[in-house]
């Protein structure tokens, strides 16, 4: 939070560059510090404005971050229910979330309907070589989607100014 590194048990702010995309809070630590649980992601407007299903990318990035920085964590449990406008109707959203979890080897995936048409999708991803390989493949696939068109886009005016500045710098270097 506020520039400090993430600590287990605290909220996790998710950024693309310097732009805040949202906050995972709480990130509960369970089972004597060997498991964490995620369920509440509070997106910023920048994230909400994204028309692609970026939640999948964030899920995979989070899992990868935890496996790289917290080797004591052996399992990550999830329970997601926030509606996603870009994905479709509640049943489609639930199916998409379940598929995203299944893709990386999560087990005990449960889809539970709530009132108001939303669904809670829960599951558990456990650390194993097979699940880590599945996570890496899924993460690279998602990163490729956003590589050329990131979530945080530069406005046309800012992009034009950057091009002019680059052109001015090039002319200076070339002696013109």
Protein backbone atom coordinates (compact mmCIF):
# COMPACT_ATOMS: atom_id res chain seq x y z
CA UNK A 1 0.00 0.00 0.00
CA UNK A 2 1.15 3.52 -0.77
CA UNK A 3 4.41 2.36 -2.34
CA UNK A 4 5.30 -0.17 0.36
CA UNK A 5 5.87 -3.79 -0.71
CA UNK A 6 2.96 -6.19 -0.28
CA UNK A 7 2.93 -8.04 3.02
CA UNK A 8 0.89 -11.18 3.53
CA UNK A 9 -2.34 -10.41 5.33
CA UNK A 10 -2.48 -6.82 4.15
CA UNK A 11 -4.33 -5.32 1.23
CA UNK A 12 -2.67 -5.57 -2.18
CA UNK A 13 -2.83 -2.68 -4.61
CA UNK A 14 -2.60 -3.70 -8.24
CA UNK A 15 -0.86 -1.32 -10.65
CA UNK A 16 -0.05 -1.12 -14.31
CA UNK A 17 2.97 1.12 -14.28
CA UNK A 18 1.98 3.99 -11.99
CA UNK A 19 -1.76 3.60 -12.55
CA UNK A 20 -3.76 1.91 -9.81
CA UNK A 21 -6.11 -0.71 -11.25
CA UNK A 22 -7.65 -1.81 -7.96
CA UNK A 23 -7.13 -3.27 -4.52
CA UNK A 24 -7.45 -6.81 -3.22
CA UNK A 25 -8.63 -6.46 0.36
CA UNK A 26 -8.60 -8.54 2.40
CA UNK A 27 -5.90 -11.02 1.45
CA UNK A 28 -6.51 -13.43 4.30
CA UNK A 29 -3.72 -15.70 5.54
CA UNK A 30 -4.95 -19.15 6.59
CA UNK A 31 -3.70 -22.54 7.78
CA UNK A 32 -0.68 -21.39 9.77
CA UNK A 33 0.50 -19.09 6.98
CA UNK A 34 0.54 -21.68 4.18
CA UNK A 35 -2.63 -20.57 2.37
CA UNK A 36 -4.16 -17.25 1.36
CA UNK A 37 -7.72 -16.42 0.42
CA UNK A 38 -8.92 -13.79 -2.08
CA UNK A 39 -12.44 -12.60 -2.58
CA UNK A 40 -12.75 -8.84 -2.64
CA UNK A 41 -11.30 -6.87 -5.53
CA UNK A 42 -12.21 -3.18 -5.57
CA UNK A 43 -11.49 -1.95 -9.11
CA UNK A 44 -10.71 1.63 -10.07
CA UNK A 45 -12.55 3.37 -12.90
CA UNK A 46 -9.58 2.70 -15.20
CA UNK A 47 -10.07 -1.03 -14.66
CA UNK A 48 -13.86 -0.78 -15.00
CA UNK A 49 -13.46 1.06 -18.30
CA UNK A 50 -11.45 -1.86 -19.72
CA UNK A 51 -13.73 -3.77 -22.11
CA UNK A 52 -11.61 -6.92 -22.17
CA UNK A 53 -11.86 -9.44 -19.34
CA UNK A 54 -8.73 -8.26 -17.51
CA UNK A 55 -9.70 -10.06 -14.30
CA UNK A 56 -8.21 -13.25 -15.69
CA UNK A 57 -4.86 -11.49 -16.22
CA UNK A 58 -4.94 -10.14 -12.65
CA UNK A 59 -5.79 -13.55 -11.19
CA UNK A 60 -2.85 -15.15 -12.98
CA UNK A 61 -0.48 -12.28 -12.17
CA UNK A 62 -1.43 -12.50 -8.50
CA UNK A 63 -0.83 -16.25 -8.37
CA UNK A 64 2.53 -15.84 -10.11
CA UNK A 65 3.54 -13.03 -7.75
CA UNK A 66 2.69 -15.11 -4.69
CA UNK A 67 4.58 -18.18 -5.94
CA UNK A 68 7.66 -16.04 -6.68
CA UNK A 69 7.71 -14.00 -3.46
CA UNK A 70 6.10 -16.21 -0.82
CA UNK A 71 7.32 -19.80 -1.17
CA UNK A 72 5.63 -20.77 2.11
CA UNK A 73 2.22 -20.33 0.45
CA UNK A 74 1.10 -23.71 -0.83
CA UNK A 75 -2.49 -22.87 -1.79
CA UNK A 76 -4.55 -19.87 -2.88
CA UNK A 77 -8.31 -20.03 -2.45
CA UNK A 78 -10.67 -17.75 -4.34
CA UNK A 79 -14.31 -16.66 -4.07
CA UNK A 80 -15.27 -14.09 -6.71
CA UNK A 81 -18.73 -12.59 -7.19
CA UNK A 82 -18.30 -9.01 -8.47
CA UNK A 83 -20.21 -8.51 -11.76
CA UNK A 84 -18.09 -7.96 -14.87
CA UNK A 85 -19.85 -5.89 -17.52
CA UNK A 86 -17.47 -6.89 -20.31
CA UNK A 87 -18.14 -10.62 -19.98
CA UNK A 88 -21.91 -10.93 -20.36
CA UNK A 89 -24.75 -12.33 -18.29
CA UNK A 90 -24.14 -13.75 -14.80
CA UNK A 91 -24.05 -17.36 -15.97
CA UNK A 92 -21.46 -16.46 -18.65
CA UNK A 93 -19.40 -14.60 -16.06
CA UNK A 94 -19.48 -17.59 -13.72
CA UNK A 95 -18.47 -19.96 -16.53
CA UNK A 96 -15.60 -17.65 -17.51
CA UNK A 97 -14.32 -17.46 -13.94
CA UNK A 98 -14.58 -21.21 -13.46
CA UNK A 99 -12.72 -21.80 -16.74
CA UNK A 100 -9.97 -19.35 -15.73
CA UNK A 101 -9.47 -21.19 -12.44
CA UNK A 102 -9.64 -24.62 -14.09
CA UNK A 103 -7.07 -23.52 -16.71
CA UNK A 104 -4.37 -23.18 -14.03
CA UNK A 105 -5.26 -26.36 -12.17
CA UNK A 106 -7.58 -25.07 -9.47
CA UNK A 107 -9.77 -27.71 -7.84
CA UNK A 108 -12.97 -27.77 -5.81
CA UNK A 109 -14.45 -25.17 -8.17
CA UNK A 110 -17.98 -24.33 -7.07
CA UNK A 111 -20.46 -21.99 -8.75
CA UNK A 112 -23.11 -20.79 -6.32
CA UNK A 113 -25.95 -18.54 -7.49
CA UNK A 114 -26.69 -15.47 -5.38
CA UNK A 115 -29.69 -13.21 -5.36
CA UNK A 116 -29.79 -10.50 -8.02
CA UNK A 117 -28.50 -12.92 -10.66
CA UNK A 118 -24.83 -12.91 -9.62
CA UNK A 119 -22.80 -16.04 -8.88
CA UNK A 120 -19.96 -16.73 -6.48
CA UNK A 121 -17.24 -18.83 -8.09
CA UNK A 122 -14.80 -20.39 -5.66
CA UNK A 123 -11.89 -22.76 -5.95
CA UNK A 124 -8.42 -23.59 -4.67
CA UNK A 125 -5.15 -23.42 -6.57
CA UNK A 126 -2.44 -25.55 -4.96
CA UNK A 127 1.25 -25.23 -5.65
CA UNK A 128 2.58 -28.13 -7.72
CA UNK A 129 4.92 -28.37 -10.69
CA UNK A 130 1.99 -29.19 -13.01
CA UNK A 131 -0.11 -26.27 -11.72
CA UNK A 132 2.87 -23.92 -11.91
CA UNK A 133 3.46 -24.92 -15.55
CA UNK A 134 -0.24 -24.38 -16.32
CA UNK A 135 -0.12 -20.99 -14.57
CA UNK A 136 2.95 -19.89 -16.52
CA UNK A 137 1.37 -20.88 -19.85
CA UNK A 138 -1.93 -19.16 -19.04
CA UNK A 139 -0.15 -16.05 -17.77
CA UNK A 140 1.98 -15.73 -20.91
CA UNK A 141 -1.15 -16.11 -23.03
CA UNK A 142 -2.87 -13.31 -21.11
CA UNK A 143 0.19 -11.06 -21.14
CA UNK A 144 0.34 -11.43 -24.93
CA UNK A 145 -3.22 -10.10 -25.20
CA UNK A 146 -2.32 -6.93 -23.31
CA UNK A 147 1.23 -6.46 -24.57
CA UNK A 148 0.31 -4.43 -27.67
CA UNK A 149 -2.77 -2.80 -26.16
CA UNK A 150 -2.24 -2.34 -22.41
CA UNK A 151 -5.09 -1.57 -20.03
CA UNK A 152 -3.68 1.88 -19.35
CA UNK A 153 -3.64 3.64 -22.67
CA UNK A 154 -2.04 6.95 -23.39
CA UNK A 155 -4.52 9.58 -24.50
CA UNK A 156 -4.21 10.73 -28.15
CA UNK A 157 -3.10 14.20 -27.00
CA UNK A 158 -0.39 12.79 -24.69
CA UNK A 159 0.73 10.39 -27.43
CA UNK A 160 1.03 13.29 -29.92
CA UNK A 161 3.08 15.29 -27.40
CA UNK A 162 5.37 12.31 -26.81
CA UNK A 163 5.90 11.93 -30.57
CA UNK A 164 6.69 15.64 -30.92
CA UNK A 165 9.14 15.46 -28.02
CA UNK A 166 10.83 12.42 -29.58
CA UNK A 167 11.02 14.17 -32.94
CA UNK A 168 12.53 17.27 -31.30
CA UNK A 169 15.11 15.13 -29.51
CA UNK A 170 16.01 13.35 -32.76
CA UNK A 171 16.48 16.67 -34.57
CA UNK A 172 18.73 17.92 -31.77
CA UNK A 173 20.86 14.75 -31.94
CA UNK A 174 21.04 15.00 -35.73
CA UNK A 175 22.15 18.63 -35.50
CA UNK A 176 18.95 20.08 -36.94
